[in-house]
C-alpha atoms as a PDB file:
ATOM      1  CA  MET A   1      -0.033 -21.055  -9.843  1.00  0.00           C
ATOM      2  CA  MET A   2       1.740 -18.527 -11.770  1.00  0.00           C
ATOM      3  CA  GLY A   3       2.449 -19.096 -15.549  1.00  0.00           C
ATOM      4  CA  SER A   4       5.519 -19.192 -17.321  1.00  0.00           C
ATOM      5  CA  VAL A   5       6.725 -16.480 -19.367  1.00  0.00           C
ATOM      6  CA  ASN A   6       4.884 -17.890 -22.772  1.00  0.00           C
ATOM      7  CA  GLU A   7       1.898 -18.891 -21.321  1.00  0.00           C
ATOM      8  CA  PRO A   8      -0.834 -16.717 -19.537  1.00  0.00           C
ATOM      9  CA  ALA A   9      -0.781 -16.925 -15.733  1.00  0.00           C
ATOM     10  CA  PRO A  10      -4.049 -19.064 -14.814  1.00  0.00           C
ATOM     11  CA  HIS A  11      -7.155 -17.722 -12.837  1.00  0.00           C
ATOM     12  CA  VAL A  12      -7.216 -17.938  -9.246  1.00  0.00           C
ATOM     13  CA  THR A  13     -10.351 -17.860  -7.481  1.00  0.00           C
ATOM     14  CA  PRO A  14     -10.364 -15.678  -4.067  1.00  0.00           C
ATOM     15  CA  ALA A  15     -10.891 -19.056  -2.145  1.00  0.00           C
ATOM     16  CA  GLU A  16      -7.559 -20.369  -3.750  1.00  0.00           C
ATOM     17  CA  TYR A  17      -5.592 -17.355  -3.592  1.00  0.00           C
ATOM     18  CA  LEU A  18      -6.213 -17.215   0.320  1.00  0.00           C
ATOM     19  CA  ARG A  19      -5.373 -20.782   0.621  1.00  0.00           C
ATOM     20  CA  LEU A  20      -2.086 -20.304  -1.488  1.00  0.00           C
ATOM     21  CA  ASP A  21      -1.289 -16.830   0.498  1.00  0.00           C
ATOM     22  CA  ALA A  22      -1.613 -18.904   3.931  1.00  0.00           C
ATOM     23  CA  GLU A  23       0.611 -21.801   2.712  1.00  0.00           C
ATOM     24  CA  ALA A  24       2.917 -19.514   1.523  1.00  0.00           C
ATOM     25  CA  GLU A  25       6.434 -18.480   2.836  1.00  0.00           C
ATOM     26  CA  GLY A  26       6.328 -15.097   1.075  1.00  0.00           C
ATOM     27  CA  LYS A  27       3.712 -12.728   0.904  1.00  0.00           C
ATOM     28  CA  LEU A  28       1.114 -13.001  -2.605  1.00  0.00           C
ATOM     29  CA  GLU A  29      -1.376 -10.750  -3.846  1.00  0.00           C
ATOM     30  CA  LEU A  30      -4.335 -11.410  -6.096  1.00  0.00           C
ATOM     31  CA  LEU A  31      -5.135  -8.603  -8.551  1.00  0.00           C
ATOM     32  CA  ASN A  32      -7.608  -9.262 -11.259  1.00  0.00           C
ATOM     33  CA  GLY A  33      -7.538 -13.167 -10.607  1.00  0.00           C
ATOM     34  CA  THR A  34      -3.822 -13.290 -11.237  1.00  0.00           C
ATOM     35  CA  VAL A  35      -1.598 -14.119  -8.187  1.00  0.00           C
ATOM     36  CA  VAL A  36       1.423 -11.726  -7.799  1.00  0.00           C
ATOM     37  CA  ALA A  37       4.429 -12.874  -5.662  1.00  0.00           C
ATOM     38  CA  MET A  38       5.868 -10.097  -3.338  1.00  0.00           C
ATOM     39  CA  ALA A  39       9.638  -9.422  -3.758  1.00  0.00           C
ATOM     40  CA  GLY A  40      11.786  -8.622  -0.869  1.00  0.00           C
ATOM     41  CA  ALA A  41      12.294  -5.046  -0.610  1.00  0.00           C
ATOM     42  CA  SER A  42      15.584  -2.757  -0.436  1.00  0.00           C
ATOM     43  CA  PRO A  43      17.043  -1.646   2.752  1.00  0.00           C
ATOM     44  CA  ARG A  44      16.193   2.189   1.825  1.00  0.00           C
ATOM     45  CA  HIS A  45      12.671   1.108   0.766  1.00  0.00           C
ATOM     46  CA  ASN A  46      12.318  -0.637   4.522  1.00  0.00           C
ATOM     47  CA  LEU A  47      13.573   2.321   5.944  1.00  0.00           C
ATOM     48  CA  ILE A  48      11.108   4.853   4.316  1.00  0.00           C
ATOM     49  CA  VAL A  49       8.250   2.249   5.334  1.00  0.00           C
ATOM     50  CA  ALA A  50       9.574   2.215   9.243  1.00  0.00           C
ATOM     51  CA  ASN A  51       9.933   6.429   8.772  1.00  0.00           C
ATOM     52  CA  LEU A  52       6.360   6.780   7.458  1.00  0.00           C
ATOM     53  CA  ALA A  53       4.542   4.346  10.131  1.00  0.00           C
ATOM     54  CA  GLY A  54       6.707   5.903  12.549  1.00  0.00           C
ATOM     55  CA  GLU A  55       5.655   9.576  12.001  1.00  0.00           C
ATOM     56  CA  LEU A  56       2.397   8.291  11.284  1.00  0.00           C
ATOM     57  CA  ARG A  57       1.760   6.567  14.667  1.00  0.00           C
ATOM     58  CA  GLU A  58       3.229   9.284  16.264  1.00  0.00           C
ATOM     59  CA  LYS A  59       0.979  12.090  14.913  1.00  0.00           C
ATOM     60  CA  LEU A  60      -1.827  10.048  15.071  1.00  0.00           C
ATOM     61  CA  ARG A  61      -1.593   8.213  18.046  1.00  0.00           C
ATOM     62  CA  ARG A  62      -4.126  10.349  20.226  1.00  0.00           C
ATOM     63  CA  GLY A  63      -6.874  10.068  17.873  1.00  0.00           C
ATOM     64  CA  PRO A  64      -9.080   7.212  16.364  1.00  0.00           C
ATOM     65  CA  CYS A  65      -6.564   6.216  13.519  1.00  0.00           C
ATOM     66  CA  LEU A  66      -4.747   3.139  13.320  1.00  0.00           C
ATOM     67  CA  VAL A  67      -1.430   2.628  11.676  1.00  0.00           C
ATOM     68  CA  MET A  68      -0.335  -0.433  10.090  1.00  0.00           C
ATOM     69  CA  THR A  69       2.170  -1.907   7.987  1.00  0.00           C
ATOM     70  CA  GLN A  70       3.280  -4.303   5.381  1.00  0.00           C
ATOM     71  CA  ASP A  71       1.769  -7.373   6.733  1.00  0.00           C
ATOM     72  CA  GLN A  72      -1.320  -5.973   6.791  1.00  0.00           C
ATOM     73  CA  ARG A  73      -3.128  -7.524   3.951  1.00  0.00           C
ATOM     74  CA  VAL A  74      -6.226  -5.252   2.310  1.00  0.00           C
ATOM     75  CA  HIS A  75      -9.128  -7.087   0.546  1.00  0.00           C
ATOM     76  CA  VAL A  76     -10.564  -5.120  -2.222  1.00  0.00           C
ATOM     77  CA  ALA A  77     -14.150  -6.494  -2.566  1.00  0.00           C
ATOM     78  CA  ALA A  78     -15.151  -4.845  -5.871  1.00  0.00           C
ATOM     79  CA  THR A  79     -12.325  -6.455  -8.027  1.00  0.00           C
ATOM     80  CA  GLU A  80     -12.461  -9.585  -5.383  1.00  0.00           C
ATOM     81  CA  SER A  81      -8.409  -8.808  -5.108  1.00  0.00           C
ATOM     82  CA  PHE A  82      -5.748  -8.840  -1.795  1.00  0.00           C
ATOM     83  CA  VAL A  83      -2.757  -6.310  -1.823  1.00  0.00           C
ATOM     84  CA  TYR A  84      -0.431  -6.030   0.703  1.00  0.00           C
ATOM     85  CA  PRO A  85       0.198  -1.964   0.923  1.00  0.00           C
ATOM     86  CA  ASP A  86       3.374  -1.033   2.737  1.00  0.00           C
ATOM     87  CA  VAL A  87       1.504   1.258   5.143  1.00  0.00           C
ATOM     88  CA  VAL A  88      -2.188   1.312   5.826  1.00  0.00           C
ATOM     89  CA  VAL A  89      -4.352   4.217   7.872  1.00  0.00           C
ATOM     90  CA  VAL A  90      -7.495   3.020   9.184  1.00  0.00           C
ATOM     91  CA  CYS A  91      -9.462   5.970  11.072  1.00  0.00           C
ATOM     92  CA  ASP A  92     -13.151   4.283  11.675  1.00  0.00           C
ATOM     93  CA  ARG A  93     -13.485   1.073  13.259  1.00  0.00           C
ATOM     94  CA  PRO A  94     -11.440  -1.356  11.552  1.00  0.00           C
ATOM     95  CA  GLU A  95     -13.173  -4.066   9.780  1.00  0.00           C
ATOM     96  CA  LEU A  96     -11.546  -7.378   9.354  1.00  0.00           C
ATOM     97  CA  ASP A  97     -12.024 -10.753   7.882  1.00  0.00           C
ATOM     98  CA  GLU A  98     -11.004 -12.843  10.139  1.00  0.00           C
ATOM     99  CA  ALA A  99     -12.251 -16.110   8.238  1.00  0.00           C
ATOM    100  CA  HIS A 100      -8.562 -16.403   6.783  1.00  0.00           C
ATOM    101  CA  ARG A 101      -5.049 -15.884   8.175  1.00  0.00           C
ATOM    102  CA  PRO A 102      -4.095 -13.152   7.946  1.00  0.00           C
ATOM    103  CA  ALA A 103      -7.075 -11.195   8.523  1.00  0.00           C
ATOM    104  CA  SER A 104      -7.836  -8.897   5.816  1.00  0.00           C
ATOM    105  CA  LEU A 105      -8.888  -5.082   6.418  1.00  0.00           C
ATOM    106  CA  ARG A 106     -11.758  -3.995   4.341  1.00  0.00           C
ATOM    107  CA  ASN A 107     -12.056  -0.463   4.985  1.00  0.00           C
ATOM    108  CA  PRO A 108      -8.550   1.487   5.014  1.00  0.00           C
ATOM    109  CA  SER A 109      -8.762   5.177   5.082  1.00  0.00           C
ATOM    110  CA  ALA A 110      -5.070   5.956   3.358  1.00  0.00           C
ATOM    111  CA  VAL A 111      -2.525   3.361   1.758  1.00  0.00           C
ATOM    112  CA  VAL A 112       1.264   4.089   1.215  1.00  0.00           C
ATOM    113  CA  GLU A 113       2.835   2.359  -1.402  1.00  0.00           C
ATOM    114  CA  VAL A 114       7.426   2.815  -1.510  1.00  0.00           C
ATOM    115  CA  LEU A 115       8.024   2.377  -5.118  1.00  0.00           C
ATOM    116  CA  SER A 116      11.225   1.200  -6.695  1.00  0.00           C
ATOM    117  CA  PRO A 117      11.857   1.633 -10.359  1.00  0.00           C
ATOM    118  CA  SER A 118      10.849  -1.763 -11.013  1.00  0.00           C
ATOM    119  CA  THR A 119       7.124  -1.567  -8.905  1.00  0.00           C
ATOM    120  CA  LEU A 120       6.553   2.063 -10.250  1.00  0.00           C
ATOM    121  CA  ASP A 121       4.252   1.377 -13.336  1.00  0.00           C
ATOM    122  CA  HIS A 122       2.552  -1.678 -11.190  1.00  0.00           C
ATOM    123  CA  ASP A 123       2.049   0.439  -8.193  1.00  0.00           C
ATOM    124  CA  MET A 124       0.594   3.593  -9.666  1.00  0.00           C
ATOM    125  CA  GLY A 125      -1.433   1.772 -12.433  1.00  0.00           C
ATOM    126  CA  ALA A 126      -2.918  -1.351 -11.347  1.00  0.00           C
ATOM    127  CA  LYS A 127      -2.771  -0.839  -7.871  1.00  0.00           C
ATOM    128  CA  LEU A 128      -4.060   2.641  -7.741  1.00  0.00           C
ATOM    129  CA  GLY A 129      -7.286   1.230  -9.744  1.00  0.00           C
ATOM    130  CA  HIS A 130      -7.877  -0.758  -7.201  1.00  0.00           C
ATOM    131  CA  TYR A 131      -7.550   1.285  -4.277  1.00  0.00           C
ATOM    132  CA  ARG A 132      -9.450   3.809  -6.106  1.00  0.00           C
ATOM    133  CA  ARG A 133     -12.483   0.846  -5.697  1.00  0.00           C
ATOM    134  CA  ILE A 134     -12.393   0.800  -1.822  1.00  0.00           C
ATOM    135  CA  PRO A 135     -15.101   3.026  -0.735  1.00  0.00           C
ATOM    136  CA  SER A 136     -13.149   3.816   2.542  1.00  0.00           C
ATOM    137  CA  VAL A 137     -10.058   4.978   1.033  1.00  0.00           C
ATOM    138  CA  ARG A 138      -9.416   8.950   0.790  1.00  0.00           C
ATOM    139  CA  GLU A 139      -5.714   9.061   0.038  1.00  0.00           C
ATOM    140  CA  VAL A 140      -3.334   6.813  -1.543  1.00  0.00           C
ATOM    141  CA  LEU A 141       0.418   7.993  -0.862  1.00  0.00           C
ATOM    142  CA  PHE A 142       3.136   6.632  -3.487  1.00  0.00           C
ATOM    143  CA  VAL A 143       6.581   7.538  -2.373  1.00  0.00           C
ATOM    144  CA  ARG A 144       9.809   7.106  -4.418  1.00  0.00           C
ATOM    145  CA  ALA A 145      12.585   4.944  -2.927  1.00  0.00           C
ATOM    146  CA  ASP A 146      14.926   6.236  -5.657  1.00  0.00           C
ATOM    147  CA  GLU A 147      14.822   9.881  -5.346  1.00  0.00           C
ATOM    148  CA  ARG A 148      12.929  12.378  -2.879  1.00  0.00           C
ATOM    149  CA  ALA A 149       9.438  12.345  -4.747  1.00  0.00           C
ATOM    150  CA  LEU A 150       6.087  11.881  -3.680  1.00  0.00           C
ATOM    151  CA  THR A 151       2.561  11.297  -5.400  1.00  0.00           C
ATOM    152  CA  ARG A 152      -0.358  11.933  -3.424  1.00  0.00           C
ATOM    153  CA  VAL A 153      -3.894  10.853  -4.723  1.00  0.00           C
ATOM    154  CA  ALA A 154      -6.927  12.386  -3.133  1.00  0.00           C
ATOM    155  CA  ARG A 155     -10.395  11.515  -3.422  1.00  0.00           C
ATOM    156  CA  GLN A 156     -12.285  14.909  -3.822  1.00  0.00           C
ATOM    157  CA  GLY A 157     -15.951  15.920  -2.457  1.00  0.00           C
ATOM    158  CA  ASP A 158     -17.039  15.173  -5.627  1.00  0.00           C
ATOM    159  CA  GLY A 159     -15.935  11.495  -6.227  1.00  0.00           C
ATOM    160  CA  SER A 160     -13.039  12.720  -8.210  1.00  0.00           C
ATOM    161  CA  TRP A 161      -9.582  11.904  -7.799  1.00  0.00           C
ATOM    162  CA  ARG A 162      -6.693  14.761  -7.726  1.00  0.00           C
ATOM    163  CA  LEU A 163      -3.030  13.905  -8.104  1.00  0.00           C
ATOM    164  CA  ASP A 164      -0.411  15.953  -6.714  1.00  0.00           C
ATOM    165  CA  ASP A 165       3.286  15.387  -7.412  1.00  0.00           C
ATOM    166  CA  LEU A 166       5.999  16.752  -4.345  1.00  0.00           C
ATOM    167  CA  GLY A 167       9.581  16.997  -3.411  1.00  0.00           C
ATOM    168  CA  PRO A 168      11.951  17.048  -3.234  1.00  0.00           C
ATOM    169  CA  GLU A 169      11.434  19.218  -0.133  1.00  0.00           C
ATOM    170  CA  GLY A 170       8.703  20.318   1.663  1.00  0.00           C
ATOM    171  CA  GLU A 171       5.662  18.224   3.338  1.00  0.00           C
ATOM    172  CA  VAL A 172       2.825  16.194   2.330  1.00  0.00           C
ATOM    173  CA  GLU A 173      -0.785  15.408   4.368  1.00  0.00           C
ATOM    174  CA  LEU A 174      -1.695  12.213   4.851  1.00  0.00           C
ATOM    175  CA  ALA A 175      -4.680  11.058   6.875  1.00  0.00           C
ATOM    176  CA  GLY A 176      -5.461  14.738   8.227  1.00  0.00           C
ATOM    177  CA  VAL A 177      -1.663  15.071  10.107  1.00  0.00           C
ATOM    178  CA  THR A 178       1.392  16.624   7.889  1.00  0.00           C
ATOM    179  CA  LEU A 179       4.588  14.652   7.202  1.00  0.00           C
ATOM    180  CA  SER A 180       7.496  16.470   6.231  1.00  0.00           C
ATOM    181  CA  LEU A 181      10.214  14.753   3.629  1.00  0.00           C
ATOM    182  CA  ASP A 182      13.089  15.463   5.843  1.00  0.00           C
ATOM    183  CA  ALA A 183      11.023  13.087   8.096  1.00  0.00           C
ATOM    184  CA  ILE A 184       9.996  10.331   5.656  1.00  0.00           C
ATOM    185  CA  TYR A 185      13.651  10.485   3.867  1.00  0.00           C
ATOM    186  CA  GLU A 186      15.642  10.523   7.128  1.00  0.00           C
ATOM    187  CA  LYS A 187      18.856   8.700   7.140  1.00  0.00           C
ATOM    188  CA  VAL A 188      18.188   6.728   3.800  1.00  0.00           C
ATOM    189  CA  ASP A 189      20.973   8.496   1.712  1.00  0.00           C
ATOM    190  CA  ALA A 190      23.649   6.046   2.820  1.00  0.00           C
ATOM    191  CA  LEU A 191      21.278   2.844   2.090  1.00  0.00           C
ATOM    192  CA  PRO A 192      20.988   1.166  -1.388  1.00  0.00           C
ATOM    193  CA  ALA A 193      17.495   1.959  -3.538  1.00  0.00           C
END
């Protein structure tokens, strides 16, 4: 259901998308009525996701928050979109739409996207716009796979959003815990980005 380079992609309804995603061999996202196929990730990307999820699980395990990885689909009701973040943190009781498989989370507290040069503009542009429309999202963390650099976008008390660029050293706060860049980027240097 995706268009060629010379023709626009056809508009897909959420119901059509959910059927396509359930039948697809890989993961598909739906953004503004357009289906986007998720490409496979690099070894460095995968290790960064594992490092982040591991650190978050360890630091959040005694509290109410749950940490899920890239197979957890998130529903953005305000834009009728569906996305697969690399890491999702939910600190309230998870609200899941289980009518379709996989179940879609409706109330993430924080989302993480690990960026490659080819996904940077899309993730920090279109996907950030969708994440900001989810009322429960307090933070979005973008982690570069090709260099030690992070961008944290956080909802402020007045509803505005603050962007902080961090790296190559130091720490970042996410979901109320502190993560070191050393832990996030542990053992990734020898792997291709």
